[in-house]
Amino acid sequence: MRWRARGFSLLELTLVVIVVVLLIRFAIDRLLPLRIEAERVAVAQVVGGLRSALGLEAARRVVSGGVQALAALDGGNPMLLLQQVPQGYVGEAERVDPAALPPGAWAFERASGILIYRVRFAEHFRGGGPGPPHIRFRVRLVYEDVDGDGRFAAGEDLPQGLDLVALEPYTWLKD
């Protein structure tokens, strides 16, 4: 009866609460896929930016030191080539435990020459490295293996460029 004094019945208030809850549920269902897509696009943009920076650095090194100068970038930290590192880059460490990284963070492991990204929305991600969902990348020298031994030999093999490669396949899942 108290509710009636203010102009609303208990039934009317219950209906308003139900409508608000339904609207919130609808909004959450619509926003989560957008957040997952935003993460996928952000990672792709960082990787694309790193590949562009590697291409520019490769060109600069070839001009100043010849194609053999490319080998020095193999396994290096590509983040050092960017004028501005991406949001979430926490820097370099000798060893990086992906479980210790906050979701959405990038880090470079010096010991292995691997760049690691810790995935935010783990339940919508498959693949990557072992442990918590993460992606591992490495700068690789692209070369013609003239001597056929499966590894780069300066003076024998022909460097052709650099690439940033994912070490394991991965994908984001659609809802």
N, C-alpha and C. Protein backbone atom coordinates (compact mmCIF):
# COMPACT_ATOMS: atom_id res chain seq x y z
N MET A 1 0.81 -1.19 0.00
CA MET A 1 0.00 0.00 0.00
C MET A 1 0.86 1.26 0.00
N ARG A 2 2.03 1.19 0.62
CA ARG A 2 2.92 2.35 0.63
C ARG A 2 3.29 2.77 -0.77
N TRP A 3 3.49 1.80 -1.65
CA TRP A 3 3.89 2.10 -3.03
C TRP A 3 2.82 2.89 -3.75
N ARG A 4 1.58 2.60 -3.46
CA ARG A 4 0.46 3.26 -4.12
C ARG A 4 0.44 4.75 -3.79
N ALA A 5 0.87 5.08 -2.59
CA ALA A 5 0.85 6.49 -2.17
C ALA A 5 1.77 7.34 -3.04
N ARG A 6 2.80 6.77 -3.60
CA ARG A 6 3.72 7.52 -4.45
C ARG A 6 3.31 7.46 -5.92
N GLY A 7 2.31 6.75 -6.24
CA GLY A 7 1.83 6.70 -7.61
C GLY A 7 2.18 5.43 -8.35
N PHE A 8 2.95 4.49 -7.77
CA PHE A 8 3.33 3.24 -8.43
C PHE A 8 2.82 2.07 -7.62
N SER A 9 2.31 1.10 -8.30
CA SER A 9 1.91 -0.13 -7.61
C SER A 9 3.10 -1.08 -7.59
N LEU A 10 3.06 -2.07 -6.77
CA LEU A 10 4.13 -3.07 -6.71
C LEU A 10 4.26 -3.79 -8.05
N LEU A 11 3.17 -4.04 -8.71
CA LEU A 11 3.19 -4.69 -10.02
C LEU A 11 3.90 -3.81 -11.06
N GLU A 12 3.63 -2.53 -11.03
CA GLU A 12 4.28 -1.60 -11.98
C GLU A 12 5.78 -1.55 -11.74
N LEU A 13 6.18 -1.48 -10.48
CA LEU A 13 7.62 -1.46 -10.17
C LEU A 13 8.28 -2.77 -10.58
N THR A 14 7.62 -3.88 -10.37
CA THR A 14 8.16 -5.18 -10.78
C THR A 14 8.34 -5.23 -12.30
N LEU A 15 7.38 -4.73 -13.04
CA LEU A 15 7.49 -4.70 -14.50
C LEU A 15 8.64 -3.82 -14.96
N VAL A 16 8.84 -2.68 -14.32
CA VAL A 16 9.95 -1.78 -14.67
C VAL A 16 11.28 -2.48 -14.41
N VAL A 17 11.40 -3.14 -13.27
CA VAL A 17 12.64 -3.86 -12.95
C VAL A 17 12.90 -4.96 -13.97
N ILE A 18 11.89 -5.69 -14.35
CA ILE A 18 12.05 -6.77 -15.35
C ILE A 18 12.49 -6.19 -16.69
N VAL A 19 11.89 -5.10 -17.12
CA VAL A 19 12.28 -4.47 -18.39
C VAL A 19 13.72 -3.99 -18.33
N VAL A 20 14.13 -3.38 -17.23
CA VAL A 20 15.51 -2.90 -17.09
C VAL A 20 16.48 -4.07 -17.13
N VAL A 21 16.17 -5.16 -16.43
CA VAL A 21 17.04 -6.34 -16.43
C VAL A 21 17.15 -6.92 -17.84
N LEU A 22 16.05 -6.98 -18.57
CA LEU A 22 16.08 -7.48 -19.94
C LEU A 22 16.92 -6.59 -20.85
N LEU A 23 16.81 -5.29 -20.67
CA LEU A 23 17.62 -4.36 -21.48
C LEU A 23 19.11 -4.51 -21.17
N ILE A 24 19.44 -4.67 -19.90
CA ILE A 24 20.85 -4.86 -19.52
C ILE A 24 21.36 -6.17 -20.11
N ARG A 25 20.58 -7.22 -20.02
CA ARG A 25 20.99 -8.52 -20.58
C ARG A 25 21.21 -8.41 -22.09
N PHE A 26 20.30 -7.73 -22.78
CA PHE A 26 20.43 -7.53 -24.22
C PHE A 26 21.71 -6.75 -24.55
N ALA A 27 21.98 -5.69 -23.77
CA ALA A 27 23.17 -4.87 -24.01
C ALA A 27 24.45 -5.69 -23.80
N ILE A 28 24.49 -6.51 -22.75
CA ILE A 28 25.66 -7.35 -22.49
C ILE A 28 25.88 -8.34 -23.62
N ASP A 29 24.79 -8.97 -24.08
CA ASP A 29 24.90 -9.92 -25.19
C ASP A 29 25.43 -9.26 -26.45
N ARG A 30 25.12 -7.99 -26.64
CA ARG A 30 25.58 -7.27 -27.84
C ARG A 30 27.00 -6.74 -27.68
N LEU A 31 27.40 -6.38 -26.46
CA LEU A 31 28.70 -5.76 -26.24
C LEU A 31 29.85 -6.76 -26.16
N LEU A 32 29.63 -7.94 -25.59
CA LEU A 32 30.72 -8.90 -25.45
C LEU A 32 31.35 -9.28 -26.79
N PRO A 33 30.56 -9.61 -27.82
CA PRO A 33 31.20 -9.91 -29.11
C PRO A 33 32.00 -8.72 -29.66
N LEU A 34 31.56 -7.51 -29.37
CA LEU A 34 32.31 -6.33 -29.82
C LEU A 34 33.65 -6.24 -29.11
N ARG A 35 33.69 -6.57 -27.83
CA ARG A 35 34.94 -6.52 -27.07
C ARG A 35 35.92 -7.58 -27.59
N ILE A 36 35.42 -8.75 -27.92
CA ILE A 36 36.26 -9.82 -28.45
C ILE A 36 36.82 -9.41 -29.81
N GLU A 37 35.96 -8.85 -30.65
CA GLU A 37 36.41 -8.38 -31.97
C GLU A 37 37.41 -7.25 -31.83
N ALA A 38 37.20 -6.37 -30.86
CA ALA A 38 38.15 -5.27 -30.62
C ALA A 38 39.52 -5.81 -30.22
N GLU A 39 39.55 -6.86 -29.40
CA GLU A 39 40.84 -7.45 -29.03
C GLU A 39 41.52 -8.07 -30.25
N ARG A 40 40.76 -8.81 -31.04
CA ARG A 40 41.32 -9.44 -32.24
C ARG A 40 41.91 -8.39 -33.18
N VAL A 41 41.17 -7.30 -33.39
CA VAL A 41 41.64 -6.24 -34.28
C VAL A 41 42.85 -5.52 -33.69
N ALA A 42 42.85 -5.29 -32.38
CA ALA A 42 43.99 -4.61 -31.74
C ALA A 42 45.27 -5.44 -31.89
N VAL A 43 45.17 -6.74 -31.68
CA VAL A 43 46.35 -7.61 -31.83
C VAL A 43 46.81 -7.58 -33.29
N ALA A 44 45.86 -7.67 -34.23
CA ALA A 44 46.23 -7.64 -35.65
C ALA A 44 46.89 -6.31 -36.02
N GLN A 45 46.43 -5.21 -35.43
CA GLN A 45 47.05 -3.90 -35.71
C GLN A 45 48.47 -3.83 -35.16
N VAL A 46 48.67 -4.35 -33.97
CA VAL A 46 50.03 -4.34 -33.39
C VAL A 46 50.95 -5.19 -34.25
N VAL A 47 50.50 -6.38 -34.62
CA VAL A 47 51.33 -7.26 -35.45
C VAL A 47 51.62 -6.60 -36.81
N GLY A 48 50.62 -5.97 -37.41
CA GLY A 48 50.83 -5.27 -38.68
C GLY A 48 51.81 -4.11 -38.53
N GLY A 49 51.69 -3.36 -37.44
CA GLY A 49 52.63 -2.27 -37.19
C GLY A 49 54.05 -2.77 -36.99
N LEU A 50 54.18 -3.89 -36.29
CA LEU A 50 55.51 -4.47 -36.07
C LEU A 50 56.11 -4.97 -37.39
N ARG A 51 55.28 -5.57 -38.22
CA ARG A 51 55.78 -6.04 -39.53
C ARG A 51 56.22 -4.86 -40.40
N SER A 52 55.47 -3.78 -40.35
CA SER A 52 55.87 -2.58 -41.11
C SER A 52 57.18 -2.02 -40.58
N ALA A 53 57.30 -1.95 -39.25
CA ALA A 53 58.54 -1.45 -38.65
C ALA A 53 59.72 -2.35 -39.01
N LEU A 54 59.50 -3.66 -39.04
CA LEU A 54 60.56 -4.59 -39.44
C LEU A 54 60.97 -4.35 -40.89
N GLY A 55 59.98 -4.12 -41.76
CA GLY A 55 60.29 -3.85 -43.16
C GLY A 55 61.12 -2.59 -43.33
N LEU A 56 60.75 -1.54 -42.60
CA LEU A 56 61.51 -0.28 -42.68
C LEU A 56 62.93 -0.45 -42.13
N GLU A 57 63.03 -1.16 -41.01
CA GLU A 57 64.37 -1.39 -40.43
C GLU A 57 65.21 -2.27 -41.34
N ALA A 58 64.60 -3.26 -41.96
CA ALA A 58 65.34 -4.12 -42.90
C ALA A 58 65.87 -3.29 -44.05
N ALA A 59 65.04 -2.42 -44.60
CA ALA A 59 65.49 -1.57 -45.71
C ALA A 59 66.64 -0.66 -45.27
N ARG A 60 66.50 -0.08 -44.09
CA ARG A 60 67.55 0.81 -43.57
C ARG A 60 68.87 0.05 -43.40
N ARG A 61 68.80 -1.15 -42.85
CA ARG A 61 70.01 -1.93 -42.64
C ARG A 61 70.64 -2.42 -43.93
N VAL A 62 69.82 -2.79 -44.90
CA VAL A 62 70.35 -3.24 -46.19
C VAL A 62 71.09 -2.09 -46.86
N VAL A 63 70.52 -0.90 -46.81
CA VAL A 63 71.15 0.26 -47.43
C VAL A 63 72.47 0.59 -46.74
N SER A 64 72.50 0.52 -45.41
CA SER A 64 73.72 0.92 -44.71
C SER A 64 74.74 -0.20 -44.52
N GLY A 65 74.28 -1.47 -44.49
CA GLY A 65 75.24 -2.54 -44.21
C GLY A 65 75.13 -3.75 -45.09
N GLY A 66 74.25 -3.71 -46.06
CA GLY A 66 74.08 -4.87 -46.93
C GLY A 66 73.10 -5.88 -46.34
N VAL A 67 72.72 -6.84 -47.16
CA VAL A 67 71.71 -7.81 -46.74
C VAL A 67 72.15 -8.66 -45.55
N GLN A 68 73.44 -8.84 -45.36
CA GLN A 68 73.92 -9.63 -44.22
C GLN A 68 73.58 -8.98 -42.89
N ALA A 69 73.34 -7.64 -42.88
CA ALA A 69 73.00 -6.92 -41.64
C ALA A 69 71.62 -7.30 -41.11
N LEU A 70 70.81 -7.96 -41.92
CA LEU A 70 69.48 -8.38 -41.48
C LEU A 70 69.55 -9.46 -40.41
N ALA A 71 70.56 -10.28 -40.45
CA ALA A 71 70.66 -11.40 -39.51
C ALA A 71 70.68 -10.94 -38.06
N ALA A 72 71.16 -9.73 -37.79
CA ALA A 72 71.23 -9.22 -36.42
C ALA A 72 69.85 -9.01 -35.81
N LEU A 73 68.81 -8.88 -36.65
CA LEU A 73 67.45 -8.66 -36.14
C LEU A 73 66.71 -9.95 -35.82
N ASP A 74 67.23 -11.08 -36.27
CA ASP A 74 66.59 -12.37 -36.03
C ASP A 74 66.49 -12.62 -34.53
N GLY A 75 65.26 -12.81 -34.03
CA GLY A 75 65.06 -13.06 -32.60
C GLY A 75 65.11 -11.81 -31.74
N GLY A 76 65.19 -10.65 -32.36
CA GLY A 76 65.24 -9.40 -31.60
C GLY A 76 63.87 -8.92 -31.16
N ASN A 77 63.87 -7.89 -30.33
CA ASN A 77 62.63 -7.33 -29.82
C ASN A 77 62.06 -6.34 -30.84
N PRO A 78 60.97 -6.69 -31.53
CA PRO A 78 60.43 -5.78 -32.53
C PRO A 78 59.80 -4.53 -31.92
N MET A 79 59.43 -4.57 -30.65
CA MET A 79 58.84 -3.39 -30.01
C MET A 79 59.83 -2.22 -29.98
N LEU A 80 61.12 -2.53 -30.00
CA LEU A 80 62.13 -1.47 -29.97
C LEU A 80 62.16 -0.67 -31.27
N LEU A 81 61.53 -1.19 -32.31
CA LEU A 81 61.51 -0.51 -33.60
C LEU A 81 60.36 0.48 -33.72
N LEU A 82 59.44 0.44 -32.78
CA LEU A 82 58.27 1.33 -32.83
C LEU A 82 58.57 2.66 -32.17
N GLN A 83 58.01 3.73 -32.71
CA GLN A 83 58.15 5.04 -32.07
C GLN A 83 57.34 5.08 -30.79
N GLN A 84 56.19 4.40 -30.80
CA GLN A 84 55.34 4.35 -29.62
C GLN A 84 54.89 2.90 -29.43
N VAL A 85 55.19 2.34 -28.27
CA VAL A 85 54.80 0.96 -28.02
C VAL A 85 53.30 0.90 -27.74
N PRO A 86 52.67 -0.24 -28.01
CA PRO A 86 51.23 -0.35 -27.79
C PRO A 86 50.88 -0.32 -26.30
N GLN A 87 49.65 0.09 -26.04
CA GLN A 87 49.15 0.05 -24.67
C GLN A 87 49.23 -1.39 -24.18
N GLY A 88 49.69 -1.57 -22.98
CA GLY A 88 49.80 -2.92 -22.42
C GLY A 88 51.18 -3.53 -22.55
N TYR A 89 52.11 -2.85 -23.24
CA TYR A 89 53.47 -3.41 -23.34
C TYR A 89 54.17 -3.17 -22.02
N VAL A 90 54.60 -4.26 -21.35
CA VAL A 90 55.21 -4.14 -20.03
C VAL A 90 56.74 -4.19 -20.08
N GLY A 91 57.32 -4.39 -21.26
CA GLY A 91 58.76 -4.35 -21.40
C GLY A 91 59.40 -5.71 -21.62
N GLU A 92 60.71 -5.75 -21.34
CA GLU A 92 61.51 -6.96 -21.54
C GLU A 92 61.85 -7.59 -20.20
N ALA A 93 62.06 -8.89 -20.24
CA ALA A 93 62.58 -9.61 -19.08
C ALA A 93 63.36 -10.80 -19.61
N GLU A 94 64.28 -11.29 -18.82
CA GLU A 94 65.06 -12.46 -19.24
C GLU A 94 64.13 -13.64 -19.51
N ARG A 95 63.21 -13.88 -18.57
CA ARG A 95 62.19 -14.92 -18.71
C ARG A 95 60.83 -14.28 -18.45
N VAL A 96 59.81 -14.71 -19.20
CA VAL A 96 58.45 -14.21 -19.01
C VAL A 96 57.52 -15.39 -18.79
N ASP A 97 56.80 -15.35 -17.69
CA ASP A 97 55.77 -16.35 -17.41
C ASP A 97 54.44 -15.76 -17.87
N PRO A 98 53.82 -16.33 -18.91
CA PRO A 98 52.55 -15.77 -19.38
C PRO A 98 51.48 -15.70 -18.29
N ALA A 99 51.52 -16.60 -17.32
CA ALA A 99 50.54 -16.58 -16.23
C ALA A 99 50.72 -15.35 -15.35
N ALA A 100 51.92 -14.78 -15.33
CA ALA A 100 52.18 -13.59 -14.51
C ALA A 100 51.80 -12.30 -15.22
N LEU A 101 51.56 -12.38 -16.52
CA LEU A 101 51.17 -11.18 -17.27
C LEU A 101 49.70 -10.90 -17.06
N PRO A 102 49.34 -9.63 -16.93
CA PRO A 102 47.91 -9.32 -16.87
C PRO A 102 47.27 -9.52 -18.25
N PRO A 103 46.01 -9.91 -18.30
CA PRO A 103 45.35 -10.05 -19.61
C PRO A 103 45.45 -8.76 -20.41
N GLY A 104 45.77 -8.89 -21.69
CA GLY A 104 45.92 -7.73 -22.57
C GLY A 104 47.33 -7.16 -22.58
N ALA A 105 48.28 -7.82 -21.94
CA ALA A 105 49.65 -7.31 -21.85
C ALA A 105 50.56 -7.98 -22.88
N TRP A 106 51.56 -7.22 -23.32
CA TRP A 106 52.62 -7.70 -24.20
C TRP A 106 53.92 -7.68 -23.39
N ALA A 107 54.81 -8.64 -23.64
CA ALA A 107 56.13 -8.65 -23.01
C ALA A 107 57.10 -9.37 -23.94
N PHE A 108 58.37 -9.01 -23.86
CA PHE A 108 59.41 -9.66 -24.67
C PHE A 108 60.32 -10.45 -23.75
N GLU A 109 60.52 -11.72 -24.10
CA GLU A 109 61.42 -12.60 -23.35
C GLU A 109 62.77 -12.64 -24.06
N ARG A 110 63.78 -12.03 -23.42
CA ARG A 110 65.11 -11.95 -24.04
C ARG A 110 65.75 -13.32 -24.25
N ALA A 111 65.60 -14.23 -23.29
CA ALA A 111 66.28 -15.53 -23.36
C ALA A 111 65.89 -16.30 -24.62
N SER A 112 64.64 -16.20 -25.05
CA SER A 112 64.19 -16.97 -26.21
C SER A 112 63.95 -16.11 -27.44
N GLY A 113 63.96 -14.79 -27.27
CA GLY A 113 63.67 -13.91 -28.39
C GLY A 113 62.20 -13.96 -28.80
N ILE A 114 61.32 -14.15 -27.82
CA ILE A 114 59.89 -14.31 -28.11
C ILE A 114 59.09 -13.16 -27.52
N LEU A 115 58.18 -12.62 -28.34
CA LEU A 115 57.23 -11.61 -27.92
C LEU A 115 55.93 -12.33 -27.54
N ILE A 116 55.40 -12.01 -26.37
CA ILE A 116 54.23 -12.71 -25.84
C ILE A 116 53.08 -11.73 -25.64
N TYR A 117 51.89 -12.15 -26.06
CA TYR A 117 50.67 -11.40 -25.78
C TYR A 117 49.75 -12.28 -24.95
N ARG A 118 49.31 -11.81 -23.79
CA ARG A 118 48.36 -12.54 -22.93
C ARG A 118 46.94 -12.13 -23.33
N VAL A 119 46.15 -13.10 -23.72
CA VAL A 119 44.79 -12.87 -24.23
C VAL A 119 43.85 -12.43 -23.10
N ARG A 120 42.99 -11.46 -23.40
CA ARG A 120 42.01 -10.97 -22.42
C ARG A 120 40.82 -11.92 -22.26
N PHE A 121 40.20 -12.29 -23.36
CA PHE A 121 38.97 -13.07 -23.32
C PHE A 121 39.28 -14.54 -23.65
N ALA A 122 39.80 -15.22 -22.67
CA ALA A 122 40.30 -16.59 -22.85
C ALA A 122 39.23 -17.55 -23.34
N GLU A 123 38.00 -17.37 -22.90
CA GLU A 123 36.95 -18.30 -23.28
C GLU A 123 36.55 -18.18 -24.75
N HIS A 124 37.04 -17.15 -25.42
CA HIS A 124 36.73 -16.95 -26.84
C HIS A 124 37.98 -17.05 -27.70
N PHE A 125 38.95 -17.82 -27.23
CA PHE A 125 40.25 -17.93 -27.90
C PHE A 125 40.68 -19.39 -27.91
N ARG A 126 41.26 -19.83 -29.01
CA ARG A 126 41.81 -21.19 -29.11
C ARG A 126 43.20 -21.11 -29.73
N GLY A 127 44.07 -21.98 -29.23
CA GLY A 127 45.41 -22.08 -29.79
C GLY A 127 46.42 -21.35 -28.93
N GLY A 128 47.50 -20.92 -29.58
CA GLY A 128 48.55 -20.23 -28.87
C GLY A 128 49.43 -21.18 -28.09
N GLY A 129 50.20 -20.63 -27.19
CA GLY A 129 51.15 -21.42 -26.42
C GLY A 129 50.49 -22.16 -25.27
N PRO A 130 51.24 -23.07 -24.62
CA PRO A 130 50.71 -23.80 -23.47
C PRO A 130 50.52 -22.88 -22.27
N GLY A 131 49.62 -23.26 -21.38
CA GLY A 131 49.35 -22.44 -20.20
C GLY A 131 48.17 -21.52 -20.43
N PRO A 132 48.14 -20.40 -19.72
CA PRO A 132 47.02 -19.48 -19.92
C PRO A 132 47.02 -18.98 -21.37
N PRO A 133 45.86 -18.69 -21.92
CA PRO A 133 45.81 -18.30 -23.34
C PRO A 133 46.72 -17.12 -23.65
N HIS A 134 47.65 -17.37 -24.53
CA HIS A 134 48.59 -16.34 -24.97
C HIS A 134 49.09 -16.70 -26.36
N ILE A 135 49.66 -15.69 -27.01
CA ILE A 135 50.22 -15.87 -28.36
C ILE A 135 51.70 -15.53 -28.28
N ARG A 136 52.50 -16.35 -28.92
CA ARG A 136 53.95 -16.11 -28.96
C ARG A 136 54.38 -15.81 -30.39
N PHE A 137 55.14 -14.73 -30.54
CA PHE A 137 55.65 -14.31 -31.84
C PHE A 137 57.17 -14.25 -31.78
N ARG A 138 57.78 -14.38 -32.95
CA ARG A 138 59.24 -14.26 -33.03
C ARG A 138 59.62 -13.61 -34.34
N VAL A 139 60.63 -12.74 -34.29
CA VAL A 139 61.18 -12.16 -35.52
C VAL A 139 62.05 -13.23 -36.16
N ARG A 140 61.74 -13.53 -37.40
CA ARG A 140 62.50 -14.55 -38.13
C ARG A 140 63.12 -13.96 -39.37
N LEU A 141 64.35 -14.32 -39.58
CA LEU A 141 65.05 -13.96 -40.80
C LEU A 141 64.54 -14.87 -41.92
N VAL A 142 64.12 -14.26 -43.01
CA VAL A 142 63.70 -15.03 -44.19
C VAL A 142 64.92 -15.08 -45.11
N TYR A 143 65.31 -16.29 -45.50
CA TYR A 143 66.51 -16.43 -46.32
C TYR A 143 66.41 -17.65 -47.22
N GLU A 144 67.21 -17.64 -48.26
CA GLU A 144 67.33 -18.81 -49.14
C GLU A 144 68.43 -19.68 -48.55
N ASP A 145 68.07 -20.91 -48.21
CA ASP A 145 69.01 -21.84 -47.58
C ASP A 145 69.86 -22.50 -48.66
N VAL A 146 70.87 -21.77 -49.14
CA VAL A 146 71.71 -22.23 -50.25
C VAL A 146 72.44 -23.52 -49.90
N ASP A 147 72.99 -23.60 -48.69
CA ASP A 147 73.75 -24.79 -48.32
C ASP A 147 72.87 -25.94 -47.82
N GLY A 148 71.55 -25.70 -47.67
CA GLY A 148 70.59 -26.75 -47.34
C GLY A 148 70.70 -27.34 -45.95
N ASP A 149 71.32 -26.62 -45.01
CA ASP A 149 71.48 -27.19 -43.67
C ASP A 149 70.36 -26.80 -42.70
N GLY A 150 69.38 -26.00 -43.17
CA GLY A 150 68.24 -25.65 -42.32
C GLY A 150 68.47 -24.52 -41.36
N ARG A 151 69.64 -23.88 -41.41
CA ARG A 151 69.89 -22.70 -40.56
C ARG A 151 70.70 -21.69 -41.35
N PHE A 152 70.61 -20.45 -40.93
CA PHE A 152 71.26 -19.37 -41.66
C PHE A 152 72.77 -19.42 -41.46
N ALA A 153 73.50 -19.38 -42.58
CA ALA A 153 74.96 -19.30 -42.55
C ALA A 153 75.37 -18.03 -43.29
N ALA A 154 75.90 -17.06 -42.54
CA ALA A 154 76.33 -15.80 -43.14
C ALA A 154 77.38 -16.07 -44.20
N GLY A 155 77.24 -15.40 -45.31
CA GLY A 155 78.19 -15.56 -46.40
C GLY A 155 77.82 -16.67 -47.37
N GLU A 156 76.98 -17.60 -46.95
CA GLU A 156 76.55 -18.69 -47.83
C GLU A 156 75.08 -18.54 -48.21
N ASP A 157 74.21 -18.40 -47.19
CA ASP A 157 72.79 -18.28 -47.45
C ASP A 157 72.44 -16.83 -47.82
N LEU A 158 71.33 -16.67 -48.53
CA LEU A 158 70.94 -15.35 -49.03
C LEU A 158 69.78 -14.77 -48.24
N PRO A 159 70.03 -13.76 -47.37
CA PRO A 159 68.94 -13.13 -46.63
C PRO A 159 67.97 -12.44 -47.60
N GLN A 160 66.66 -12.54 -47.30
CA GLN A 160 65.66 -11.94 -48.17
C GLN A 160 64.78 -10.94 -47.44
N GLY A 161 64.74 -11.00 -46.13
CA GLY A 161 63.90 -10.09 -45.36
C GLY A 161 63.65 -10.62 -43.97
N LEU A 162 62.68 -9.98 -43.31
CA LEU A 162 62.33 -10.36 -41.95
C LEU A 162 60.82 -10.53 -41.87
N ASP A 163 60.37 -11.37 -40.95
CA ASP A 163 58.95 -11.54 -40.72
C ASP A 163 58.71 -11.73 -39.23
N LEU A 164 57.52 -11.37 -38.79
CA LEU A 164 57.08 -11.64 -37.43
C LEU A 164 56.10 -12.79 -37.53
N VAL A 165 56.46 -13.93 -36.97
CA VAL A 165 55.63 -15.12 -37.13
C VAL A 165 55.08 -15.58 -35.78
N ALA A 166 53.85 -16.07 -35.81
CA ALA A 166 53.26 -16.69 -34.64
C ALA A 166 53.85 -18.10 -34.52
N LEU A 167 54.26 -18.47 -33.33
CA LEU A 167 54.91 -19.76 -33.13
C LEU A 167 53.91 -20.91 -33.08
N GLU A 168 52.67 -20.62 -32.74
CA GLU A 168 51.60 -21.62 -32.75
C GLU A 168 50.38 -21.00 -33.42
N PRO A 169 49.56 -21.81 -34.11
CA PRO A 169 48.34 -21.26 -34.70
C PRO A 169 47.35 -20.86 -33.59
N TYR A 170 46.53 -19.86 -33.88
CA TYR A 170 45.53 -19.39 -32.92
C TYR A 170 44.36 -18.78 -33.67
N THR A 171 43.24 -18.66 -32.96
CA THR A 171 42.06 -18.02 -33.54
C THR A 171 41.15 -17.53 -32.42
N TRP A 172 40.40 -16.46 -32.71
CA TRP A 172 39.36 -16.01 -31.82
C TRP A 172 38.06 -16.64 -32.27
N LEU A 173 37.26 -17.08 -31.32
CA LEU A 173 36.01 -17.75 -31.63
C LEU A 173 34.88 -16.73 -31.70
N LYS A 174 33.96 -16.97 -32.60
CA LYS A 174 32.76 -16.13 -32.71
C LYS A 174 31.74 -16.63 -31.71
N ASP A 175 30.94 -15.73 -31.19
CA ASP A 175 29.87 -16.14 -30.28
C ASP A 175 28.72 -16.77 -31.00
